Amino acid sequence: MTETELDTPQVMNVKIVNRNDFTIADRFDGVPYVFEPNHPVSVPIDAANHIFGWFPGAEQANVKRHVQKRFGWNTPAMETSGQNNRFFGNLEITPILYRMVPVEVDDEGEPVEPTAPAQRAPKVNKMMAAADVAQSRS
């Protein structure tokens, strides 16, 4: 892996928020996932792909079709009433980005502790400067 690849954000988990007024429960690889209304749940990318048809770069139409079929929201009655679109529209699927950064190592290959960032002088805005001037006059 190159240093640029290490510094590029990677998607390893996906945050799912079910904004519907009902709970959605499913399984992936023997692990149960429960999506309570308005409660964010972080799932591995493989589980997001299996349950929601989501992966980085997935087309929204394909995700929608997968979800509606998986949860039975693609029946003629639901399509006629528009519930299938409302239910899907109430799902928030957001990738969680991680950045891997290179670790500095010494000559023996041992990790080197990073140095503390240099302390910057605090910024002084006009209000703070005026208060300092007023205080120096008294």
N, C-alpha and C. Protein backbone atom coordinates (compact mmCIF):
# COMPACT_ATOMS: atom_id res chain seq x y z
N MET A 1 0.84 -1.18 0.00
CA MET A 1 0.00 0.00 0.00
C MET A 1 0.88 1.24 0.00
N THR A 2 0.54 2.19 -0.82
CA THR A 2 1.32 3.41 -0.86
C THR A 2 0.86 4.36 0.23
N GLU A 3 1.68 5.37 0.51
CA GLU A 3 1.33 6.34 1.55
C GLU A 3 0.04 7.08 1.18
N THR A 4 -0.17 7.32 -0.11
CA THR A 4 -1.39 8.00 -0.54
C THR A 4 -2.61 7.13 -0.27
N GLU A 5 -2.51 5.82 -0.51
CA GLU A 5 -3.62 4.92 -0.23
C GLU A 5 -3.94 4.87 1.25
N LEU A 6 -2.89 4.94 2.09
CA LEU A 6 -3.09 4.91 3.53
C LEU A 6 -3.79 6.17 4.02
N ASP A 7 -3.55 7.29 3.36
CA ASP A 7 -4.10 8.57 3.79
C ASP A 7 -5.49 8.83 3.22
N THR A 8 -5.93 8.01 2.25
CA THR A 8 -7.24 8.18 1.64
C THR A 8 -8.31 7.61 2.56
N PRO A 9 -9.39 8.36 2.82
CA PRO A 9 -10.44 7.82 3.69
C PRO A 9 -11.02 6.52 3.14
N GLN A 10 -11.27 5.57 4.03
CA GLN A 10 -11.82 4.27 3.67
C GLN A 10 -13.15 4.08 4.38
N VAL A 11 -14.07 3.41 3.72
CA VAL A 11 -15.35 3.07 4.34
C VAL A 11 -15.22 1.66 4.90
N MET A 12 -15.40 1.53 6.21
CA MET A 12 -15.33 0.22 6.85
C MET A 12 -16.64 -0.11 7.57
N ASN A 13 -17.40 0.90 7.91
CA ASN A 13 -18.69 0.72 8.56
C ASN A 13 -19.69 1.67 7.92
N VAL A 14 -20.95 1.38 8.15
CA VAL A 14 -22.03 2.20 7.62
C VAL A 14 -23.01 2.49 8.75
N LYS A 15 -23.43 3.76 8.86
CA LYS A 15 -24.41 4.13 9.88
C LYS A 15 -25.79 4.09 9.24
N ILE A 16 -26.68 3.33 9.89
CA ILE A 16 -28.06 3.21 9.43
C ILE A 16 -28.97 3.84 10.47
N VAL A 17 -29.85 4.74 10.03
CA VAL A 17 -30.87 5.30 10.91
C VAL A 17 -32.22 5.00 10.28
N ASN A 18 -33.05 4.29 11.02
CA ASN A 18 -34.40 3.95 10.59
C ASN A 18 -35.34 5.03 11.10
N ARG A 19 -35.83 5.90 10.24
CA ARG A 19 -36.74 6.98 10.63
C ARG A 19 -38.21 6.54 10.52
N ASN A 20 -38.45 5.28 10.20
CA ASN A 20 -39.82 4.77 10.17
C ASN A 20 -40.33 4.61 11.60
N ASP A 21 -41.62 4.40 11.75
CA ASP A 21 -42.19 4.23 13.09
C ASP A 21 -42.28 2.76 13.50
N PHE A 22 -41.52 1.90 12.85
CA PHE A 22 -41.47 0.48 13.18
C PHE A 22 -40.01 0.01 13.16
N THR A 23 -39.77 -1.08 13.87
CA THR A 23 -38.43 -1.65 13.97
C THR A 23 -38.17 -2.55 12.77
N ILE A 24 -36.93 -2.52 12.28
CA ILE A 24 -36.50 -3.43 11.23
C ILE A 24 -35.46 -4.36 11.85
N ALA A 25 -35.65 -5.67 11.69
CA ALA A 25 -34.71 -6.65 12.22
C ALA A 25 -34.26 -7.56 11.08
N ASP A 26 -32.98 -7.87 11.06
CA ASP A 26 -32.43 -8.73 10.02
C ASP A 26 -31.18 -9.40 10.57
N ARG A 27 -30.59 -10.27 9.78
CA ARG A 27 -29.38 -10.99 10.20
C ARG A 27 -28.37 -10.98 9.06
N PHE A 28 -27.10 -11.04 9.46
CA PHE A 28 -26.02 -11.26 8.50
C PHE A 28 -24.95 -12.08 9.18
N ASP A 29 -24.54 -13.15 8.56
CA ASP A 29 -23.48 -14.00 9.06
C ASP A 29 -23.75 -14.48 10.49
N GLY A 30 -25.02 -14.76 10.78
CA GLY A 30 -25.41 -15.25 12.09
C GLY A 30 -25.55 -14.17 13.15
N VAL A 31 -25.32 -12.91 12.78
CA VAL A 31 -25.41 -11.80 13.74
C VAL A 31 -26.72 -11.06 13.51
N PRO A 32 -27.54 -10.92 14.57
CA PRO A 32 -28.79 -10.17 14.41
C PRO A 32 -28.52 -8.66 14.43
N TYR A 33 -29.22 -7.94 13.58
CA TYR A 33 -29.15 -6.47 13.55
C TYR A 33 -30.57 -5.95 13.73
N VAL A 34 -30.73 -5.07 14.71
CA VAL A 34 -32.05 -4.49 14.98
C VAL A 34 -31.93 -2.99 14.79
N PHE A 35 -32.81 -2.45 13.95
CA PHE A 35 -32.82 -1.03 13.64
C PHE A 35 -34.08 -0.41 14.24
N GLU A 36 -33.96 0.05 15.48
CA GLU A 36 -35.07 0.70 16.18
C GLU A 36 -35.30 2.07 15.54
N PRO A 37 -36.52 2.57 15.60
CA PRO A 37 -36.79 3.90 15.04
C PRO A 37 -35.90 4.97 15.67
N ASN A 38 -35.30 5.78 14.82
CA ASN A 38 -34.49 6.95 15.20
C ASN A 38 -33.28 6.62 16.06
N HIS A 39 -32.78 5.40 15.98
CA HIS A 39 -31.60 5.00 16.73
C HIS A 39 -30.50 4.58 15.74
N PRO A 40 -29.41 5.35 15.64
CA PRO A 40 -28.36 5.00 14.69
C PRO A 40 -27.68 3.68 15.06
N VAL A 41 -27.41 2.87 14.05
CA VAL A 41 -26.74 1.59 14.23
C VAL A 41 -25.59 1.54 13.24
N SER A 42 -24.40 1.22 13.75
CA SER A 42 -23.23 1.06 12.89
C SER A 42 -23.09 -0.41 12.53
N VAL A 43 -23.01 -0.69 11.22
CA VAL A 43 -22.88 -2.07 10.76
C VAL A 43 -21.66 -2.17 9.85
N PRO A 44 -21.03 -3.35 9.82
CA PRO A 44 -19.92 -3.54 8.89
C PRO A 44 -20.41 -3.42 7.44
N ILE A 45 -19.50 -3.08 6.57
CA ILE A 45 -19.86 -2.85 5.17
C ILE A 45 -20.45 -4.10 4.53
N ASP A 46 -19.99 -5.29 4.93
CA ASP A 46 -20.55 -6.54 4.38
C ASP A 46 -22.01 -6.71 4.79
N ALA A 47 -22.33 -6.36 6.03
CA ALA A 47 -23.71 -6.45 6.50
C ALA A 47 -24.59 -5.43 5.78
N ALA A 48 -24.06 -4.23 5.56
CA ALA A 48 -24.82 -3.20 4.83
C ALA A 48 -25.12 -3.67 3.40
N ASN A 49 -24.17 -4.35 2.80
CA ASN A 49 -24.36 -4.87 1.45
C ASN A 49 -25.42 -5.97 1.46
N HIS A 50 -25.34 -6.87 2.42
CA HIS A 50 -26.28 -7.99 2.47
C HIS A 50 -27.71 -7.53 2.80
N ILE A 51 -27.83 -6.67 3.81
CA ILE A 51 -29.16 -6.28 4.28
C ILE A 51 -29.78 -5.19 3.41
N PHE A 52 -28.97 -4.18 3.05
CA PHE A 52 -29.51 -3.02 2.34
C PHE A 52 -29.06 -2.91 0.88
N GLY A 53 -28.19 -3.80 0.45
CA GLY A 53 -27.70 -3.72 -0.92
C GLY A 53 -26.78 -2.54 -1.14
N TRP A 54 -26.24 -1.99 -0.03
CA TRP A 54 -25.39 -0.80 -0.11
C TRP A 54 -23.92 -1.18 -0.11
N PHE A 55 -23.16 -0.53 -0.95
CA PHE A 55 -21.70 -0.62 -0.98
C PHE A 55 -21.21 0.70 -1.55
N PRO A 56 -19.94 1.06 -1.32
CA PRO A 56 -19.45 2.34 -1.85
C PRO A 56 -19.67 2.40 -3.37
N GLY A 57 -20.33 3.43 -3.81
CA GLY A 57 -20.59 3.61 -5.23
C GLY A 57 -21.88 2.97 -5.73
N ALA A 58 -22.64 2.36 -4.83
CA ALA A 58 -23.90 1.72 -5.24
C ALA A 58 -24.89 2.78 -5.72
N GLU A 59 -25.61 2.43 -6.76
CA GLU A 59 -26.63 3.34 -7.28
C GLU A 59 -27.85 3.29 -6.37
N GLN A 60 -28.41 4.44 -6.07
CA GLN A 60 -29.56 4.55 -5.16
C GLN A 60 -30.74 3.70 -5.63
N ALA A 61 -30.97 3.65 -6.92
CA ALA A 61 -32.10 2.87 -7.46
C ALA A 61 -31.91 1.38 -7.15
N ASN A 62 -30.68 0.89 -7.24
CA ASN A 62 -30.42 -0.52 -6.95
C ASN A 62 -30.57 -0.81 -5.46
N VAL A 63 -30.13 0.13 -4.61
CA VAL A 63 -30.29 -0.03 -3.16
C VAL A 63 -31.77 -0.06 -2.82
N LYS A 64 -32.52 0.85 -3.40
CA LYS A 64 -33.96 0.93 -3.15
C LYS A 64 -34.65 -0.38 -3.56
N ARG A 65 -34.33 -0.88 -4.74
CA ARG A 65 -34.94 -2.11 -5.24
C ARG A 65 -34.61 -3.28 -4.29
N HIS A 66 -33.36 -3.35 -3.86
CA HIS A 66 -32.93 -4.43 -2.96
C HIS A 66 -33.69 -4.37 -1.63
N VAL A 67 -33.74 -3.18 -1.03
CA VAL A 67 -34.40 -3.01 0.28
C VAL A 67 -35.89 -3.34 0.17
N GLN A 68 -36.54 -2.83 -0.86
CA GLN A 68 -37.97 -3.06 -0.99
C GLN A 68 -38.28 -4.55 -1.19
N LYS A 69 -37.45 -5.23 -1.93
CA LYS A 69 -37.65 -6.67 -2.14
C LYS A 69 -37.36 -7.44 -0.86
N ARG A 70 -36.26 -7.09 -0.17
CA ARG A 70 -35.84 -7.81 1.03
C ARG A 70 -36.87 -7.70 2.16
N PHE A 71 -37.46 -6.52 2.32
CA PHE A 71 -38.40 -6.32 3.42
C PHE A 71 -39.86 -6.46 2.99
N GLY A 72 -40.11 -6.87 1.75
CA GLY A 72 -41.48 -7.09 1.29
C GLY A 72 -42.24 -5.82 1.01
N TRP A 73 -41.52 -4.75 0.69
CA TRP A 73 -42.17 -3.47 0.41
C TRP A 73 -42.47 -3.29 -1.07
N ASN A 74 -42.32 -4.36 -1.85
CA ASN A 74 -42.52 -4.26 -3.29
C ASN A 74 -43.82 -4.92 -3.75
N THR A 75 -44.77 -5.08 -2.84
CA THR A 75 -46.05 -5.66 -3.23
C THR A 75 -46.86 -4.65 -4.03
N PRO A 76 -47.76 -5.12 -4.88
CA PRO A 76 -48.58 -4.18 -5.66
C PRO A 76 -49.35 -3.19 -4.78
N ALA A 77 -49.88 -3.67 -3.66
CA ALA A 77 -50.65 -2.78 -2.77
C ALA A 77 -49.76 -1.68 -2.21
N MET A 78 -48.54 -2.03 -1.81
CA MET A 78 -47.63 -1.01 -1.26
C MET A 78 -47.17 -0.04 -2.33
N GLU A 79 -46.94 -0.55 -3.53
CA GLU A 79 -46.52 0.33 -4.62
C GLU A 79 -47.64 1.29 -5.01
N THR A 80 -48.88 0.81 -5.01
CA THR A 80 -50.02 1.66 -5.35
C THR A 80 -50.21 2.76 -4.31
N SER A 81 -50.06 2.41 -3.04
CA SER A 81 -50.26 3.40 -1.96
C SER A 81 -49.06 4.32 -1.79
N GLY A 82 -47.91 3.92 -2.32
CA GLY A 82 -46.69 4.72 -2.16
C GLY A 82 -45.95 4.47 -0.86
N GLN A 83 -46.43 3.50 -0.07
CA GLN A 83 -45.75 3.18 1.19
C GLN A 83 -44.32 2.70 0.96
N ASN A 84 -44.10 1.97 -0.12
CA ASN A 84 -42.76 1.44 -0.40
C ASN A 84 -41.75 2.58 -0.50
N ASN A 85 -42.11 3.66 -1.16
CA ASN A 85 -41.19 4.80 -1.30
C ASN A 85 -41.04 5.56 0.02
N ARG A 86 -42.14 5.69 0.77
CA ARG A 86 -42.05 6.36 2.07
C ARG A 86 -41.16 5.59 3.03
N PHE A 87 -41.36 4.27 3.10
CA PHE A 87 -40.55 3.45 4.00
C PHE A 87 -39.08 3.55 3.63
N PHE A 88 -38.77 3.43 2.33
CA PHE A 88 -37.37 3.52 1.91
C PHE A 88 -36.82 4.92 2.15
N GLY A 89 -37.62 5.94 1.89
CA GLY A 89 -37.18 7.32 2.10
C GLY A 89 -36.87 7.63 3.55
N ASN A 90 -37.39 6.83 4.48
CA ASN A 90 -37.13 7.03 5.90
C ASN A 90 -35.90 6.29 6.39
N LEU A 91 -35.13 5.71 5.49
CA LEU A 91 -33.88 5.07 5.86
C LEU A 91 -32.72 5.99 5.51
N GLU A 92 -31.85 6.23 6.47
CA GLU A 92 -30.63 7.01 6.22
C GLU A 92 -29.46 6.05 6.25
N ILE A 93 -28.75 5.99 5.13
CA ILE A 93 -27.59 5.11 5.01
C ILE A 93 -26.39 6.01 4.75
N THR A 94 -25.48 6.07 5.74
CA THR A 94 -24.35 6.99 5.66
C THR A 94 -23.04 6.24 5.89
N PRO A 95 -22.10 6.33 4.96
CA PRO A 95 -20.81 5.67 5.20
C PRO A 95 -20.04 6.37 6.32
N ILE A 96 -19.35 5.59 7.12
CA ILE A 96 -18.46 6.13 8.15
C ILE A 96 -17.05 6.03 7.60
N LEU A 97 -16.39 7.17 7.45
CA LEU A 97 -15.07 7.20 6.85
C LEU A 97 -13.97 7.09 7.89
N TYR A 98 -12.97 6.30 7.58
CA TYR A 98 -11.80 6.14 8.43
C TYR A 98 -10.58 6.50 7.59
N ARG A 99 -9.56 7.02 8.25
CA ARG A 99 -8.32 7.34 7.55
C ARG A 99 -7.18 6.61 8.24
N MET A 100 -6.49 5.82 7.47
CA MET A 100 -5.30 5.15 7.99
C MET A 100 -4.12 6.04 7.65
N VAL A 101 -3.28 6.30 8.62
CA VAL A 101 -2.12 7.14 8.38
C VAL A 101 -0.86 6.34 8.68
N PRO A 102 0.22 6.64 7.98
CA PRO A 102 1.45 5.89 8.22
C PRO A 102 2.02 6.19 9.60
N VAL A 103 2.66 5.18 10.18
CA VAL A 103 3.31 5.32 11.48
C VAL A 103 4.81 5.41 11.24
N GLU A 104 5.44 6.41 11.85
CA GLU A 104 6.90 6.55 11.73
C GLU A 104 7.57 5.45 12.55
N VAL A 105 8.62 4.86 11.99
CA VAL A 105 9.37 3.82 12.70
C VAL A 105 10.84 4.21 12.75
N ASP A 106 11.55 3.70 13.79
CA ASP A 106 12.98 3.98 13.90
C ASP A 106 13.76 2.96 13.08
N ASP A 107 15.11 2.96 13.21
CA ASP A 107 15.96 2.08 12.42
C ASP A 107 15.72 0.59 12.69
N GLU A 108 15.24 0.25 13.90
CA GLU A 108 14.95 -1.14 14.23
C GLU A 108 13.53 -1.55 13.86
N GLY A 109 12.76 -0.64 13.29
CA GLY A 109 11.39 -0.94 12.90
C GLY A 109 10.37 -0.74 14.01
N GLU A 110 10.78 -0.14 15.13
CA GLU A 110 9.87 0.11 16.24
C GLU A 110 9.14 1.43 16.01
N PRO A 111 7.85 1.49 16.35
CA PRO A 111 7.10 2.74 16.17
C PRO A 111 7.70 3.87 17.01
N VAL A 112 7.75 5.05 16.42
CA VAL A 112 8.26 6.24 17.10
C VAL A 112 7.07 7.05 17.59
N GLU A 113 7.13 7.48 18.86
CA GLU A 113 6.06 8.31 19.40
C GLU A 113 5.99 9.62 18.63
N PRO A 114 4.80 10.03 18.21
CA PRO A 114 4.69 11.31 17.50
C PRO A 114 5.01 12.46 18.44
N THR A 115 5.60 13.48 17.88
CA THR A 115 5.90 14.66 18.69
C THR A 115 4.63 15.49 18.84
N ALA A 116 4.55 16.17 19.96
CA ALA A 116 3.38 17.01 20.22
C ALA A 116 3.39 18.18 19.24
N PRO A 117 2.23 18.58 18.77
CA PRO A 117 2.19 19.73 17.86
C PRO A 117 2.66 20.99 18.59
N ALA A 118 3.28 21.86 17.84
CA ALA A 118 3.78 23.11 18.42
C ALA A 118 2.61 23.94 18.93
N GLN A 119 2.83 24.56 20.08
CA GLN A 119 1.78 25.41 20.65
C GLN A 119 1.73 26.72 19.89
N ARG A 120 0.53 27.10 19.50
CA ARG A 120 0.35 28.38 18.82
C ARG A 120 -0.10 29.41 19.83
N ALA A 121 0.28 30.63 19.56
CA ALA A 121 -0.20 31.72 20.41
C ALA A 121 -1.69 31.88 20.16
N PRO A 122 -2.46 32.14 21.21
CA PRO A 122 -3.90 32.28 21.01
C PRO A 122 -4.20 33.49 20.12
N LYS A 123 -5.23 33.33 19.31
CA LYS A 123 -5.65 34.44 18.46
C LYS A 123 -6.29 35.51 19.34
N VAL A 124 -6.04 36.74 18.99
CA VAL A 124 -6.64 37.86 19.70
C VAL A 124 -7.56 38.58 18.73
N ASN A 125 -8.85 38.63 19.07
CA ASN A 125 -9.77 39.36 18.20
C ASN A 125 -9.89 40.80 18.68
N LYS A 126 -10.62 41.61 17.96
CA LYS A 126 -10.73 43.03 18.29
C LYS A 126 -11.33 43.26 19.67
N MET A 127 -12.31 42.45 20.04
CA MET A 127 -12.96 42.61 21.34
C MET A 127 -11.97 42.32 22.46
N MET A 128 -11.18 41.27 22.30
CA MET A 128 -10.19 40.92 23.33
C MET A 128 -9.11 42.00 23.42
N ALA A 129 -8.68 42.52 22.27
CA ALA A 129 -7.66 43.56 22.26
C ALA A 129 -8.19 44.82 22.94
N ALA A 130 -9.43 45.20 22.67
CA ALA A 130 -10.02 46.37 23.31
C ALA A 130 -10.13 46.18 24.82
N ALA A 131 -10.46 44.97 25.25
CA ALA A 131 -10.55 44.71 26.69
C ALA A 131 -9.17 44.80 27.35
N ASP A 132 -8.13 44.32 26.66
CA ASP A 132 -6.78 44.42 27.19
C ASP A 132 -6.35 45.89 27.33
N VAL A 133 -6.67 46.70 26.31
CA VAL A 133 -6.33 48.14 26.36
C VAL A 133 -7.08 48.80 27.50
N ALA A 134 -8.36 48.52 27.66
CA ALA A 134 -9.15 49.12 28.75
C ALA A 134 -8.60 48.71 30.11
N GLN A 135 -8.19 47.45 30.21
CA GLN A 135 -7.66 46.98 31.50
C GLN A 135 -6.32 47.63 31.82
N SER A 136 -5.52 47.87 30.79
CA SER A 136 -4.20 48.49 31.03
C SER A 136 -4.35 49.97 31.45
N ARG A 137 -5.45 50.61 31.10
CA ARG A 137 -5.67 52.01 31.48
C ARG A 137 -6.05 52.16 32.95
N SER A 138 -6.61 51.11 33.52
CA SER A 138 -7.07 51.26 34.92
C SER A 138 -5.99 50.97 35.92
